[in-house]
Amino acid sequence: QAIQAINGYTNMTAEEFTNMIFQKIDVNGDGELTLEEFINGVEKDEDLMELITKSFDLSNVLKVIQNG
């Protein structure tokens, strides 16, 4: 809900927002996002890339995930 508010998606429920993201980037349709799917999906979708980069600096989070 906080992400929605930051990005102006307040006209969607949290579930609808999440489903939209998964439809865009869950390549294999398994209902889970790997780090690779997330990165590739965001890189390929200009709107999603803008949404993410405007709201978050994920570089530190990605470093922690990559380093286990």
C-alpha atoms as a PDB file:
ATOM      1  CA  GLN A   1       0.000   0.000   0.000  1.00  0.00           C
ATOM      2  CA  ALA A   2       2.913   2.331   0.745  1.00  0.00           C
ATOM      3  CA  ILE A   3       4.429   1.623  -2.678  1.00  0.00           C
ATOM      4  CA  GLN A   4       1.088   2.344  -4.284  1.00  0.00           C
ATOM      5  CA  ALA A   5       0.770   5.658  -2.457  1.00  0.00           C
ATOM      6  CA  ILE A   6       4.297   6.706  -3.403  1.00  0.00           C
ATOM      7  CA  ASN A   7       3.675   5.922  -7.051  1.00  0.00           C
ATOM      8  CA  GLY A   8       0.125   7.220  -7.347  1.00  0.00           C
ATOM      9  CA  TYR A   9      -1.545   3.844  -7.804  1.00  0.00           C
ATOM     10  CA  THR A  10      -4.098   4.512  -5.097  1.00  0.00           C
ATOM     11  CA  ASN A  11      -6.969   3.599  -7.441  1.00  0.00           C
ATOM     12  CA  MET A  12      -5.908  -0.085  -7.239  1.00  0.00           C
ATOM     13  CA  THR A  13      -6.030  -2.464  -4.344  1.00  0.00           C
ATOM     14  CA  ALA A  14      -2.709  -3.818  -3.115  1.00  0.00           C
ATOM     15  CA  GLU A  15      -3.629  -7.176  -4.670  1.00  0.00           C
ATOM     16  CA  GLU A  16      -4.436  -5.604  -8.050  1.00  0.00           C
ATOM     17  CA  PHE A  17      -1.144  -3.677  -7.986  1.00  0.00           C
ATOM     18  CA  THR A  18       0.814  -6.837  -7.141  1.00  0.00           C
ATOM     19  CA  ASN A  19      -0.981  -8.794  -9.868  1.00  0.00           C
ATOM     20  CA  MET A  20      -0.125  -6.083 -12.398  1.00  0.00           C
ATOM     21  CA  ILE A  21       3.567  -6.334 -11.498  1.00  0.00           C
ATOM     22  CA  PHE A  22       3.540 -10.137 -11.668  1.00  0.00           C
ATOM     23  CA  GLN A  23       1.741 -10.135 -15.039  1.00  0.00           C
ATOM     24  CA  LYS A  24       4.454  -7.882 -16.427  1.00  0.00           C
ATOM     25  CA  ILE A  25       7.525  -9.704 -15.130  1.00  0.00           C
ATOM     26  CA  ASP A  26       6.725 -13.249 -13.918  1.00  0.00           C
ATOM     27  CA  VAL A  27       8.071 -14.799 -17.127  1.00  0.00           C
ATOM     28  CA  ASN A  28       7.490 -18.455 -16.280  1.00  0.00           C
ATOM     29  CA  GLY A  29       4.096 -17.793 -14.642  1.00  0.00           C
ATOM     30  CA  ASP A  30       4.884 -19.680 -11.456  1.00  0.00           C
ATOM     31  CA  GLY A  31       3.604 -16.915  -9.159  1.00  0.00           C
ATOM     32  CA  GLU A  32       7.065 -16.211  -7.791  1.00  0.00           C
ATOM     33  CA  LEU A  33       9.679 -13.692  -8.850  1.00  0.00           C
ATOM     34  CA  THR A  34      13.321 -14.640  -8.922  1.00  0.00           C
ATOM     35  CA  LEU A  35      15.861 -11.852  -8.727  1.00  0.00           C
ATOM     36  CA  GLU A  36      16.684 -12.518 -12.378  1.00  0.00           C
ATOM     37  CA  GLU A  37      13.013 -12.251 -13.439  1.00  0.00           C
ATOM     38  CA  PHE A  38      12.634  -9.049 -11.457  1.00  0.00           C
ATOM     39  CA  ILE A  39      15.734  -7.407 -12.923  1.00  0.00           C
ATOM     40  CA  ASN A  40      15.009  -8.518 -16.502  1.00  0.00           C
ATOM     41  CA  GLY A  41      11.351  -7.546 -16.227  1.00  0.00           C
ATOM     42  CA  VAL A  42      12.082  -4.087 -14.901  1.00  0.00           C
ATOM     43  CA  GLU A  43      14.783  -3.510 -17.535  1.00  0.00           C
ATOM     44  CA  LYS A  44      12.383  -4.443 -20.354  1.00  0.00           C
ATOM     45  CA  ASP A  45       9.392  -2.397 -19.159  1.00  0.00           C
ATOM     46  CA  GLU A  46       9.982   1.368 -19.372  1.00  0.00           C
ATOM     47  CA  ASP A  47       6.958   2.255 -17.241  1.00  0.00           C
ATOM     48  CA  LEU A  48       7.938  -0.171 -14.523  1.00  0.00           C
ATOM     49  CA  MET A  49      11.566   1.002 -14.646  1.00  0.00           C
ATOM     50  CA  GLU A  50      10.430   4.599 -14.209  1.00  0.00           C
ATOM     51  CA  LEU A  51       8.101   3.622 -11.367  1.00  0.00           C
ATOM     52  CA  ILE A  52      10.887   1.791  -9.545  1.00  0.00           C
ATOM     53  CA  THR A  53      13.659   4.321 -10.117  1.00  0.00           C
ATOM     54  CA  LYS A  54      11.511   7.292  -9.112  1.00  0.00           C
ATOM     55  CA  SER A  55      10.591   5.752  -5.801  1.00  0.00           C
ATOM     56  CA  PHE A  56      13.476   3.620  -4.696  1.00  0.00           C
ATOM     57  CA  ASP A  57      17.208   3.320  -4.752  1.00  0.00           C
ATOM     58  CA  LEU A  58      17.373  -0.468  -4.709  1.00  0.00           C
ATOM     59  CA  SER A  59      21.122  -0.764  -5.211  1.00  0.00           C
ATOM     60  CA  ASN A  60      21.840  -1.570  -1.555  1.00  0.00           C
ATOM     61  CA  VAL A  61      18.950  -4.038  -1.347  1.00  0.00           C
ATOM     62  CA  LEU A  62      20.115  -5.808  -4.505  1.00  0.00           C
ATOM     63  CA  LYS A  63      23.664  -6.040  -3.150  1.00  0.00           C
ATOM     64  CA  VAL A  64      22.417  -7.686   0.036  1.00  0.00           C
ATOM     65  CA  ILE A  65      20.285 -10.159  -1.950  1.00  0.00           C
ATOM     66  CA  GLN A  66      23.117 -11.006  -4.333  1.00  0.00           C
ATOM     67  CA  ASN A  67      25.564 -11.536  -1.472  1.00  0.00           C
ATOM     68  CA  GLY A  68      23.135 -13.809   0.367  1.00  0.00           C
END
